[in-house]
Amino acid sequence: MLRGLRWQGERGFAILIGRWKTLRHTNISPRRIGDIVAAALHLTHFEYKYLSESC
């Protein structure tokens, strides 16, 4: 069960890091990076939803 959940988290993180170069090279505090990651996640969800509806 743990392995089944872990791959989803790792895949999501890989998509965010691959898509948003800013997240790869950041050096701000973990407290402040949370807002940036949340915004990137929302934009990525929007982008993927948009792409799947247009096909």
C-alpha atoms as a PDB file:
ATOM      1  CA  MET A   1       0.000   0.000   0.000  1.00  0.00           C
ATOM      2  CA  LEU A   2       2.790   2.401   0.886  1.00  0.00           C
ATOM      3  CA  ARG A   3       4.544   1.744  -2.416  1.00  0.00           C
ATOM      4  CA  GLY A   4       1.289   2.417  -4.238  1.00  0.00           C
ATOM      5  CA  LEU A   5       0.990   5.835  -2.639  1.00  0.00           C
ATOM      6  CA  ARG A   6       4.662   6.700  -2.860  1.00  0.00           C
ATOM      7  CA  TRP A   7       4.890   6.480  -6.648  1.00  0.00           C
ATOM      8  CA  GLN A   8       2.062   8.984  -6.991  1.00  0.00           C
ATOM      9  CA  GLY A   9       3.872  11.523  -4.826  1.00  0.00           C
ATOM     10  CA  GLU A  10       7.168  10.990  -6.628  1.00  0.00           C
ATOM     11  CA  ARG A  11       5.504  11.291 -10.020  1.00  0.00           C
ATOM     12  CA  GLY A  12       3.773  14.515  -9.017  1.00  0.00           C
ATOM     13  CA  PHE A  13       7.013  15.972  -7.701  1.00  0.00           C
ATOM     14  CA  ALA A  14       8.828  14.987 -10.904  1.00  0.00           C
ATOM     15  CA  ILE A  15       6.175  16.699 -13.020  1.00  0.00           C
ATOM     16  CA  LEU A  16       6.414  19.883 -10.948  1.00  0.00           C
ATOM     17  CA  ILE A  17      10.213  19.962 -10.999  1.00  0.00           C
ATOM     18  CA  GLY A  18      10.360  19.154 -14.708  1.00  0.00           C
ATOM     19  CA  ARG A  19       7.749  21.728 -15.633  1.00  0.00           C
ATOM     20  CA  TRP A  20       8.784  24.578 -13.357  1.00  0.00           C
ATOM     21  CA  LYS A  21      12.526  25.296 -13.605  1.00  0.00           C
ATOM     22  CA  THR A  22      12.192  27.839 -10.809  1.00  0.00           C
ATOM     23  CA  LEU A  23      11.556  25.027  -8.331  1.00  0.00           C
ATOM     24  CA  ARG A  24      14.861  23.363  -9.238  1.00  0.00           C
ATOM     25  CA  HIS A  25      17.002  26.384  -8.442  1.00  0.00           C
ATOM     26  CA  THR A  26      15.299  27.951  -5.451  1.00  0.00           C
ATOM     27  CA  ASN A  27      17.034  28.671  -2.171  1.00  0.00           C
ATOM     28  CA  ILE A  28      14.235  30.237  -0.127  1.00  0.00           C
ATOM     29  CA  SER A  29      13.005  28.867   3.168  1.00  0.00           C
ATOM     30  CA  PRO A  30      10.722  25.801   3.225  1.00  0.00           C
ATOM     31  CA  ARG A  31       8.012  27.925   4.810  1.00  0.00           C
ATOM     32  CA  ARG A  32       7.895  30.303   1.854  1.00  0.00           C
ATOM     33  CA  ILE A  33       8.370  27.685  -0.876  1.00  0.00           C
ATOM     34  CA  GLY A  34       5.019  26.114   0.063  1.00  0.00           C
ATOM     35  CA  ASP A  35       3.054  28.971  -1.502  1.00  0.00           C
ATOM     36  CA  ILE A  36       5.116  28.806  -4.682  1.00  0.00           C
ATOM     37  CA  VAL A  37       4.702  25.035  -4.964  1.00  0.00           C
ATOM     38  CA  ALA A  38       0.956  25.353  -4.357  1.00  0.00           C
ATOM     39  CA  ALA A  39       0.666  27.935  -7.142  1.00  0.00           C
ATOM     40  CA  ALA A  40       2.726  25.772  -9.508  1.00  0.00           C
ATOM     41  CA  LEU A  41       0.551  22.772  -8.664  1.00  0.00           C
ATOM     42  CA  HIS A  42      -2.645  24.689  -9.431  1.00  0.00           C
ATOM     43  CA  LEU A  43      -1.248  25.951 -12.720  1.00  0.00           C
ATOM     44  CA  THR A  44      -0.093  22.466 -13.668  1.00  0.00           C
ATOM     45  CA  HIS A  45      -3.526  21.007 -12.892  1.00  0.00           C
ATOM     46  CA  PHE A  46      -5.121  23.722 -14.988  1.00  0.00           C
ATOM     47  CA  GLU A  47      -2.731  23.048 -17.852  1.00  0.00           C
ATOM     48  CA  TYR A  48      -3.255  19.292 -17.874  1.00  0.00           C
ATOM     49  CA  LYS A  49      -7.033  19.653 -17.578  1.00  0.00           C
ATOM     50  CA  TYR A  50      -7.025  22.072 -20.488  1.00  0.00           C
ATOM     51  CA  LEU A  51      -4.915  19.729 -22.616  1.00  0.00           C
ATOM     52  CA  SER A  52      -7.098  16.689 -21.932  1.00  0.00           C
ATOM     53  CA  GLU A  53     -10.317  18.556 -22.795  1.00  0.00           C
ATOM     54  CA  SER A  54      -8.995  19.896 -26.093  1.00  0.00           C
ATOM     55  CA  CYS A  55      -8.038  16.432 -27.443  1.00  0.00           C
END
